[in-house]
């Protein structure tokens, strides 16, 4: 079974860096503990308000998406986005090695 990687990117509102980072880490801790996957948080070089959450090692897309949505809602991550922007989620298939 192919593994999936999810990339979630968004711009945080100005001035919420520390608070937002704590919330994102809480979401990632919940999701990784529940599903046994890995997660990272990246910020764009020279554009520190553009963030990307990376989730890897996913084998059940539906289960992951439900877990992530529930945790994002409970930690109110949508409220941290820059006004007029949203979190964008992309899913990629990780090719199996030959």
C-alpha atoms as a PDB file:
ATOM      1  CA  UNK A   1       0.000   0.000   0.000  1.00  0.00           C
ATOM      2  CA  UNK A   2       1.370   3.393  -0.987  1.00  0.00           C
ATOM      3  CA  UNK A   3       1.937   5.928   1.725  1.00  0.00           C
ATOM      4  CA  UNK A   4       0.627   9.466   1.554  1.00  0.00           C
ATOM      5  CA  UNK A   5       2.101  12.812   2.568  1.00  0.00           C
ATOM      6  CA  UNK A   6      -0.056  15.822   3.383  1.00  0.00           C
ATOM      7  CA  UNK A   7       1.068  19.432   3.061  1.00  0.00           C
ATOM      8  CA  UNK A   8      -1.011  22.117   4.751  1.00  0.00           C
ATOM      9  CA  UNK A   9      -0.021  25.705   4.059  1.00  0.00           C
ATOM     10  CA  UNK A  10      -1.368  29.067   5.170  1.00  0.00           C
ATOM     11  CA  UNK A  11      -0.365  32.513   6.338  1.00  0.00           C
ATOM     12  CA  UNK A  12      -0.619  33.287  10.025  1.00  0.00           C
ATOM     13  CA  UNK A  13      -1.947  36.605  11.197  1.00  0.00           C
ATOM     14  CA  UNK A  14       0.742  39.121  12.161  1.00  0.00           C
ATOM     15  CA  UNK A  15       1.802  38.975  15.796  1.00  0.00           C
ATOM     16  CA  UNK A  16       0.495  35.483  16.641  1.00  0.00           C
ATOM     17  CA  UNK A  17       3.684  33.497  15.974  1.00  0.00           C
ATOM     18  CA  UNK A  18       4.362  32.079  19.434  1.00  0.00           C
ATOM     19  CA  UNK A  19       0.715  31.383  20.245  1.00  0.00           C
ATOM     20  CA  UNK A  20       0.115  29.852  16.813  1.00  0.00           C
ATOM     21  CA  UNK A  21       3.244  27.698  16.979  1.00  0.00           C
ATOM     22  CA  UNK A  22       2.099  26.235  20.327  1.00  0.00           C
ATOM     23  CA  UNK A  23      -1.313  25.378  18.890  1.00  0.00           C
ATOM     24  CA  UNK A  24       0.123  23.788  15.755  1.00  0.00           C
ATOM     25  CA  UNK A  25       2.504  21.694  17.838  1.00  0.00           C
ATOM     26  CA  UNK A  26      -0.432  20.559  19.994  1.00  0.00           C
ATOM     27  CA  UNK A  27      -2.361  19.498  16.879  1.00  0.00           C
ATOM     28  CA  UNK A  28       0.650  17.675  15.498  1.00  0.00           C
ATOM     29  CA  UNK A  29       1.275  15.913  18.810  1.00  0.00           C
ATOM     30  CA  UNK A  30      -2.327  14.694  18.960  1.00  0.00           C
ATOM     31  CA  UNK A  31      -2.417  13.466  15.385  1.00  0.00           C
ATOM     32  CA  UNK A  32       0.995  11.789  15.457  1.00  0.00           C
ATOM     33  CA  UNK A  33       0.248  10.049  18.776  1.00  0.00           C
ATOM     34  CA  UNK A  34      -3.125   8.792  17.519  1.00  0.00           C
ATOM     35  CA  UNK A  35      -1.949   7.583  14.118  1.00  0.00           C
ATOM     36  CA  UNK A  36       1.766   6.818  14.472  1.00  0.00           C
ATOM     37  CA  UNK A  37       2.801   9.186  11.683  1.00  0.00           C
ATOM     38  CA  UNK A  38       5.388  11.968  11.547  1.00  0.00           C
ATOM     39  CA  UNK A  39       4.818  15.711  11.376  1.00  0.00           C
ATOM     40  CA  UNK A  40       6.902  18.826  10.866  1.00  0.00           C
ATOM     41  CA  UNK A  41       6.245  22.560  10.862  1.00  0.00           C
ATOM     42  CA  UNK A  42       8.093  24.709   8.342  1.00  0.00           C
ATOM     43  CA  UNK A  43       8.152  28.429   7.665  1.00  0.00           C
ATOM     44  CA  UNK A  44       9.066  29.949   4.331  1.00  0.00           C
ATOM     45  CA  UNK A  45      12.485  31.509   4.134  1.00  0.00           C
ATOM     46  CA  UNK A  46      12.175  35.299   3.839  1.00  0.00           C
ATOM     47  CA  UNK A  47       8.406  35.060   4.441  1.00  0.00           C
ATOM     48  CA  UNK A  48       8.009  33.880   8.056  1.00  0.00           C
ATOM     49  CA  UNK A  49       4.231  34.283   8.099  1.00  0.00           C
ATOM     50  CA  UNK A  50       3.843  31.519   5.471  1.00  0.00           C
ATOM     51  CA  UNK A  51       3.708  28.208   7.296  1.00  0.00           C
ATOM     52  CA  UNK A  52       3.566  24.616   6.114  1.00  0.00           C
ATOM     53  CA  UNK A  53       2.613  21.594   8.166  1.00  0.00           C
ATOM     54  CA  UNK A  54       3.947  18.329   6.737  1.00  0.00           C
ATOM     55  CA  UNK A  55       2.416  14.969   7.699  1.00  0.00           C
ATOM     56  CA  UNK A  56       4.065  11.777   6.432  1.00  0.00           C
ATOM     57  CA  UNK A  57       3.628   8.035   6.749  1.00  0.00           C
ATOM     58  CA  UNK A  58      -0.135   8.084   6.219  1.00  0.00           C
ATOM     59  CA  UNK A  59      -1.802   4.900   4.974  1.00  0.00           C
ATOM     60  CA  UNK A  60      -5.468   5.723   5.676  1.00  0.00           C
ATOM     61  CA  UNK A  61      -6.435   9.077   4.149  1.00  0.00           C
ATOM     62  CA  UNK A  62      -9.951   9.165   5.604  1.00  0.00           C
ATOM     63  CA  UNK A  63      -8.775   8.415   9.135  1.00  0.00           C
ATOM     64  CA  UNK A  64      -6.005  11.010   8.911  1.00  0.00           C
ATOM     65  CA  UNK A  65      -8.275  13.711   7.476  1.00  0.00           C
ATOM     66  CA  UNK A  66     -10.891  13.157  10.193  1.00  0.00           C
ATOM     67  CA  UNK A  67      -8.250  13.207  12.955  1.00  0.00           C
ATOM     68  CA  UNK A  68      -6.592  16.334  11.589  1.00  0.00           C
ATOM     69  CA  UNK A  69      -9.906  18.172  11.119  1.00  0.00           C
ATOM     70  CA  UNK A  70     -11.038  17.336  14.659  1.00  0.00           C
ATOM     71  CA  UNK A  71      -7.749  18.484  16.189  1.00  0.00           C
ATOM     72  CA  UNK A  72      -7.611  21.662  14.071  1.00  0.00           C
ATOM     73  CA  UNK A  73     -11.158  22.475  15.192  1.00  0.00           C
ATOM     74  CA  UNK A  74     -10.488  21.767  18.866  1.00  0.00           C
ATOM     75  CA  UNK A  75      -7.362  23.958  18.861  1.00  0.00           C
ATOM     76  CA  UNK A  76      -9.050  26.621  16.717  1.00  0.00           C
ATOM     77  CA  UNK A  77      -6.220  26.869  14.199  1.00  0.00           C
ATOM     78  CA  UNK A  78      -8.434  28.543  11.593  1.00  0.00           C
ATOM     79  CA  UNK A  79      -8.610  31.599  13.857  1.00  0.00           C
ATOM     80  CA  UNK A  80      -4.844  32.079  13.545  1.00  0.00           C
ATOM     81  CA  UNK A  81      -4.839  32.511   9.773  1.00  0.00           C
ATOM     82  CA  UNK A  82      -4.295  35.924   8.299  1.00  0.00           C
ATOM     83  CA  UNK A  83      -7.706  37.517   7.634  1.00  0.00           C
ATOM     84  CA  UNK A  84      -8.940  36.698   4.145  1.00  0.00           C
ATOM     85  CA  UNK A  85      -6.856  33.509   3.918  1.00  0.00           C
ATOM     86  CA  UNK A  86      -7.522  29.834   4.605  1.00  0.00           C
ATOM     87  CA  UNK A  87      -5.552  26.670   5.326  1.00  0.00           C
ATOM     88  CA  UNK A  88      -4.917  24.771   2.084  1.00  0.00           C
ATOM     89  CA  UNK A  89      -4.447  21.009   2.186  1.00  0.00           C
ATOM     90  CA  UNK A  90      -2.649  19.000  -0.513  1.00  0.00           C
ATOM     91  CA  UNK A  91      -2.126  15.236  -0.553  1.00  0.00           C
ATOM     92  CA  UNK A  92       0.696  13.489  -2.434  1.00  0.00           C
ATOM     93  CA  UNK A  93       1.411   9.808  -3.009  1.00  0.00           C
ATOM     94  CA  UNK A  94       4.893   8.767  -1.901  1.00  0.00           C
ATOM     95  CA  UNK A  95       6.285   6.482  -4.614  1.00  0.00           C
ATOM     96  CA  UNK A  96       7.421   3.063  -3.466  1.00  0.00           C
ATOM     97  CA  UNK A  97      11.095   2.312  -3.977  1.00  0.00           C
ATOM     98  CA  UNK A  98      11.844  -0.213  -6.694  1.00  0.00           C
END
